[in-house]
Amino acid sequence: MSGDELDLQNLVTEDNATETDGAADSDEVTEQVIEEPVTETAETETPAETETPEVPAEPEVPALECVTLNDYITSHVAKLSGVAKANMNAPGIPDGKYNMFVTQVEGDAEAEMFLVDDTDRLVLQEFDPDTIFVVKSGVIAKSGTRRTYITKTNTTQVDVDGDSVPTVIKSIRKKSVSGDVKYDDIAKEDNSAMDLDQIKIKVKSIIPPLGGNVEEMTDKNDIRAAVLTFMDTVKDINYLIKIEKQVLMACF
């Protein structure tokens, strides 16, 4: 055998060996891919159902026994002060819906007329009044233990102690003649920490006409008496309610 034939034979043998090695390597890669473990997807756990907490029921508010303003005035017409109740009986006027009042005057003075409407819807708690006043902004009924203010929208009832200081202020409302009576209470808070100077500042800010008088006073009772006397001259119900809450109840 010649040298050239030997070299050719060796070359062919080497090439076959290379192809064989390449095929073996390919089989190993394929085998690795096939044998690679498949990761199983974990099952998602369903969260346990949570119990809805029970909401405590709101305490039932006791019903408030009330009478209509029309019935109240009819029952206590003799307690009207400075006015007389006019006759409102006429065709087309609902019974009890309106009350007309005429001021009592002397001589040639001209009388004023006040028409209070919705007196079949407006309500208040029954009590025996000392006097009933009728003003442009509504009706005021007063006794030694209670002052009640009735406006076009609601009733403010002020229960007072022996010194005429509010202990509880009740707001009473009724949206319609057949509707339910709703109310809220404001109870007096402890104001014993208020000193004389603080009371004077409060009175002067809410009741400026009393500023000069209270400045010279040295006793809380004198200031309280001055406030009550001033209230007898006021005809604006909203202003009176403000004094009840922000001066009398807050300071004394």
Protein backbone atom coordinates (compact mmCIF):
# COMPACT_ATOMS: atom_id res chain seq x y z
CA MET A 1 0.00 0.00 0.00
CA SER A 2 1.38 3.37 -0.97
CA GLY A 3 1.81 6.32 1.35
CA ASP A 4 -0.94 8.28 -0.41
CA GLU A 5 -3.48 5.51 0.05
CA LEU A 6 -2.60 5.25 3.77
CA ASP A 7 -3.10 8.96 4.32
CA LEU A 8 -6.47 8.94 2.55
CA GLN A 9 -7.64 6.04 4.62
CA ASN A 10 -6.62 7.77 7.85
CA LEU A 11 -8.42 10.93 6.77
CA VAL A 12 -11.65 9.08 6.10
CA THR A 13 -11.36 7.29 9.41
CA GLU A 14 -10.86 10.58 11.28
CA ASP A 15 -13.85 12.17 9.54
CA ASN A 16 -16.09 9.25 10.48
CA ALA A 17 -14.92 9.48 14.03
CA THR A 18 -15.75 13.22 14.12
CA GLU A 19 -19.24 12.61 12.76
CA THR A 20 -19.78 9.86 15.32
CA ASP A 21 -18.64 12.11 18.17
CA GLY A 22 -20.94 14.91 16.92
CA ALA A 23 -23.91 12.58 16.78
CA ALA A 24 -23.17 11.39 20.29
CA ASP A 25 -23.02 14.97 21.54
CA SER A 26 -26.36 15.74 19.83
CA ASP A 27 -27.94 12.69 21.48
CA GLU A 28 -26.73 13.89 24.88
CA VAL A 29 -28.28 17.39 24.36
CA THR A 30 -31.54 15.89 23.19
CA GLU A 31 -31.52 13.50 26.08
CA GLN A 32 -30.91 16.38 28.52
CA VAL A 33 -33.82 18.36 27.10
CA ILE A 34 -36.17 15.40 27.31
CA GLU A 35 -35.08 14.45 30.81
CA GLU A 36 -35.43 18.03 32.20
CA PRO A 37 -38.07 17.76 34.96
CA VAL A 38 -41.36 19.58 34.44
CA THR A 39 -42.30 21.87 37.30
CA GLU A 40 -45.84 21.23 38.47
CA THR A 41 -48.06 24.28 39.09
CA ALA A 42 -49.08 24.50 42.70
CA GLU A 43 -52.80 24.53 43.34
CA THR A 44 -54.15 27.93 44.53
CA GLU A 45 -55.78 27.65 47.90
CA THR A 46 -59.22 29.26 48.19
CA PRO A 47 -59.22 31.70 51.12
CA ALA A 48 -61.56 30.83 53.90
CA GLU A 49 -64.77 32.88 53.96
CA THR A 50 -64.69 35.66 56.54
CA GLU A 51 -67.71 36.20 58.72
CA THR A 52 -69.33 39.63 58.44
CA PRO A 53 -69.37 41.23 61.89
CA GLU A 54 -72.81 42.03 63.20
CA VAL A 55 -73.55 45.74 63.37
CA PRO A 56 -75.20 46.58 66.69
CA ALA A 57 -78.65 48.03 66.30
CA GLU A 58 -79.04 51.69 67.15
CA PRO A 59 -80.80 52.28 70.44
CA GLU A 60 -84.45 53.04 69.97
CA VAL A 61 -85.29 56.67 70.62
CA PRO A 62 -88.36 57.02 72.84
CA ALA A 63 -91.35 58.65 71.20
CA LEU A 64 -92.02 62.26 72.13
CA GLU A 65 -95.59 63.14 73.03
CA CYS A 66 -96.47 66.44 71.39
CA VAL A 67 -99.46 68.59 70.47
CA THR A 68 -99.86 70.81 67.43
CA LEU A 69 -99.30 74.53 67.82
CA ASN A 70 -102.90 75.11 66.76
CA ASP A 71 -104.23 72.89 69.56
CA TYR A 72 -101.80 74.41 72.07
CA ILE A 73 -102.88 77.98 71.32
CA THR A 74 -106.55 76.95 71.39
CA SER A 75 -106.07 75.36 74.83
CA HIS A 76 -104.13 78.31 76.26
CA VAL A 77 -105.63 81.24 74.36
CA ALA A 78 -106.14 83.12 77.63
CA LYS A 79 -102.34 83.22 78.10
CA LEU A 80 -101.74 85.26 74.93
CA SER A 81 -99.89 88.46 75.79
CA GLY A 82 -100.30 91.66 73.78
CA VAL A 83 -102.25 90.01 70.96
CA ALA A 84 -105.70 88.58 70.32
CA LYS A 85 -106.49 85.57 68.17
CA ALA A 86 -108.48 86.52 65.08
CA ASN A 87 -111.22 84.45 63.48
CA MET A 88 -109.88 82.38 60.58
CA ASN A 89 -113.06 80.47 59.73
CA ALA A 90 -113.64 80.93 56.01
CA PRO A 91 -114.35 78.69 53.00
CA GLY A 92 -111.25 77.15 51.47
CA ILE A 93 -109.05 77.56 54.56
CA PRO A 94 -107.93 74.19 56.01
CA ASP A 95 -108.94 73.79 59.62
CA GLY A 96 -106.05 74.50 62.00
CA LYS A 97 -103.48 75.31 59.30
CA TYR A 98 -103.37 79.07 59.96
CA ASN A 99 -103.62 81.27 63.05
CA MET A 100 -104.08 85.02 62.77
CA PHE A 101 -103.17 87.39 65.61
CA VAL A 102 -103.83 91.11 66.03
CA THR A 103 -101.86 93.30 68.41
CA GLN A 104 -103.86 95.00 71.14
CA VAL A 105 -103.38 98.75 70.97
CA GLU A 106 -104.85 101.81 72.66
CA GLY A 107 -106.35 104.92 71.12
CA ASP A 108 -105.60 105.65 67.49
CA ALA A 109 -102.53 103.42 67.31
CA GLU A 110 -102.49 101.11 64.32
CA ALA A 111 -102.66 97.42 65.12
CA GLU A 112 -100.32 94.85 63.60
CA MET A 113 -101.39 91.49 62.25
CA PHE A 114 -99.35 88.30 62.44
CA LEU A 115 -100.17 85.23 60.37
CA VAL A 116 -98.64 82.00 61.63
CA ASP A 117 -99.00 79.18 59.13
CA ASP A 118 -98.50 75.41 59.35
CA THR A 119 -99.85 75.43 62.90
CA ASP A 120 -101.27 71.96 62.18
CA ARG A 121 -97.72 70.69 61.48
CA LEU A 122 -95.61 72.55 64.06
CA VAL A 123 -95.57 70.74 67.39
CA LEU A 124 -94.39 71.17 70.97
CA GLN A 125 -94.58 69.32 74.24
CA GLU A 126 -97.58 70.24 76.33
CA PHE A 127 -96.91 72.42 79.39
CA ASP A 128 -98.84 75.12 81.21
CA PRO A 129 -97.42 78.49 80.11
CA ASP A 130 -97.40 81.70 82.09
CA THR A 131 -97.46 83.75 78.89
CA ILE A 132 -97.53 83.23 75.11
CA PHE A 133 -95.99 85.87 72.87
CA VAL A 134 -96.50 86.09 69.11
CA VAL A 135 -93.79 87.88 67.13
CA LYS A 136 -92.88 88.11 63.45
CA SER A 137 -90.43 85.22 63.69
CA GLY A 138 -92.82 82.86 65.50
CA VAL A 139 -94.34 82.02 68.87
CA ILE A 140 -92.76 82.04 72.36
CA ALA A 141 -94.36 80.17 75.26
CA LYS A 142 -92.81 80.62 78.73
CA SER A 143 -93.19 79.29 82.24
CA GLY A 144 -90.96 79.09 85.31
CA THR A 145 -89.53 75.73 84.16
CA ARG A 146 -89.58 75.95 80.36
CA ARG A 147 -89.15 78.36 77.47
CA THR A 148 -90.33 77.13 74.07
CA TYR A 149 -89.59 78.87 70.78
CA ILE A 150 -91.61 77.88 67.68
CA THR A 151 -90.42 79.06 64.26
CA LYS A 152 -91.52 78.17 60.74
CA THR A 153 -89.21 75.14 60.61
CA ASN A 154 -88.95 73.66 64.10
CA THR A 155 -89.40 74.03 67.84
CA THR A 156 -86.64 74.71 70.37
CA GLN A 157 -87.60 73.68 73.88
CA VAL A 158 -85.45 74.97 76.75
CA ASP A 159 -85.93 73.27 80.12
CA VAL A 160 -84.54 75.45 82.92
CA ASP A 161 -83.61 75.07 86.57
CA GLY A 162 -84.65 77.25 89.51
CA ASP A 163 -82.27 80.00 88.37
CA SER A 164 -83.75 80.04 84.83
CA VAL A 165 -80.55 78.48 83.47
CA PRO A 166 -81.02 75.89 80.69
CA THR A 167 -80.36 72.27 81.67
CA VAL A 168 -81.52 70.59 78.44
CA ILE A 169 -82.28 72.13 75.05
CA LYS A 170 -84.42 70.02 72.75
CA SER A 171 -84.84 70.58 69.00
CA ILE A 172 -88.20 69.20 67.79
CA ARG A 173 -89.20 68.94 64.12
CA LYS A 174 -91.89 67.40 61.96
CA LYS A 175 -91.72 67.51 58.16
CA SER A 176 -95.39 66.98 57.44
CA VAL A 177 -98.75 66.88 59.19
CA SER A 178 -98.75 63.07 59.11
CA GLY A 179 -94.98 62.67 59.59
CA ASP A 180 -93.12 61.41 62.65
CA VAL A 181 -91.82 63.72 65.34
CA LYS A 182 -87.99 63.87 65.41
CA TYR A 183 -85.91 65.47 68.12
CA ASP A 184 -82.37 65.97 69.42
CA ASP A 185 -81.18 66.82 72.92
CA ILE A 186 -78.34 69.11 73.95
CA ALA A 187 -77.39 68.53 77.58
CA LYS A 188 -75.61 71.09 79.69
CA GLU A 189 -71.89 70.50 80.15
CA ASP A 190 -69.82 71.27 83.22
CA ASN A 191 -68.84 74.95 83.05
CA SER A 192 -67.73 75.40 86.65
CA ALA A 193 -64.21 76.27 85.47
CA MET A 194 -65.38 79.51 83.82
CA ASP A 195 -64.35 82.49 85.88
CA LEU A 196 -65.99 85.91 86.04
CA ASP A 197 -63.76 87.47 83.38
CA GLN A 198 -64.46 84.67 80.90
CA ILE A 199 -68.20 85.09 81.42
CA LYS A 200 -67.93 88.84 80.85
CA ILE A 201 -66.06 88.29 77.58
CA LYS A 202 -68.69 85.82 76.38
CA VAL A 203 -71.62 88.09 77.32
CA LYS A 204 -70.05 91.15 75.67
CA SER A 205 -69.39 89.21 72.45
CA ILE A 206 -72.94 87.83 72.17
CA ILE A 207 -74.86 90.73 73.75
CA PRO A 208 -72.93 93.96 73.00
CA PRO A 209 -75.59 96.25 74.57
CA LEU A 210 -74.78 94.68 77.97
CA GLY A 211 -71.03 95.22 77.63
CA GLY A 212 -70.80 98.34 79.75
CA ASN A 213 -73.13 97.02 82.46
CA VAL A 214 -71.47 93.65 83.04
CA GLU A 215 -67.98 95.14 83.06
CA GLU A 216 -68.63 96.65 86.48
CA MET A 217 -70.33 93.54 87.93
CA THR A 218 -68.53 91.34 90.44
CA ASP A 219 -71.10 88.54 90.86
CA LYS A 220 -72.13 85.88 88.34
CA ASN A 221 -75.73 86.01 89.53
CA ASP A 222 -75.94 89.71 88.71
CA ILE A 223 -74.72 89.02 85.18
CA ARG A 224 -77.23 86.19 84.74
CA ALA A 225 -80.08 88.44 85.94
CA ALA A 226 -79.01 91.16 83.48
CA VAL A 227 -79.02 88.64 80.62
CA LEU A 228 -82.52 87.40 81.50
CA THR A 229 -83.85 90.95 81.73
CA PHE A 230 -82.35 91.78 78.34
CA MET A 231 -84.00 88.71 76.79
CA ASP A 232 -87.43 90.07 77.75
CA THR A 233 -86.85 92.93 75.30
CA VAL A 234 -85.78 90.74 72.35
CA LYS A 235 -88.32 89.75 69.68
CA ASP A 236 -85.98 87.82 67.37
CA ILE A 237 -86.40 84.12 68.19
CA ASN A 238 -83.15 83.03 66.53
CA TYR A 239 -81.22 85.57 68.63
CA LEU A 240 -82.94 84.38 71.79
CA ILE A 241 -81.98 80.77 71.04
CA LYS A 242 -78.37 81.88 70.50
CA ILE A 243 -78.34 83.57 73.92
CA GLU A 244 -79.85 80.45 75.53
CA LYS A 245 -77.13 78.20 74.10
CA GLN A 246 -74.02 80.37 74.03
CA VAL A 247 -74.52 82.49 77.13
CA LEU A 248 -76.93 81.03 79.68
CA MET A 249 -76.19 77.33 79.12
CA ALA A 250 -72.48 77.84 78.44
CA CYS A 251 -71.65 80.23 81.29
CA PHE A 252 -73.94 79.60 84.25
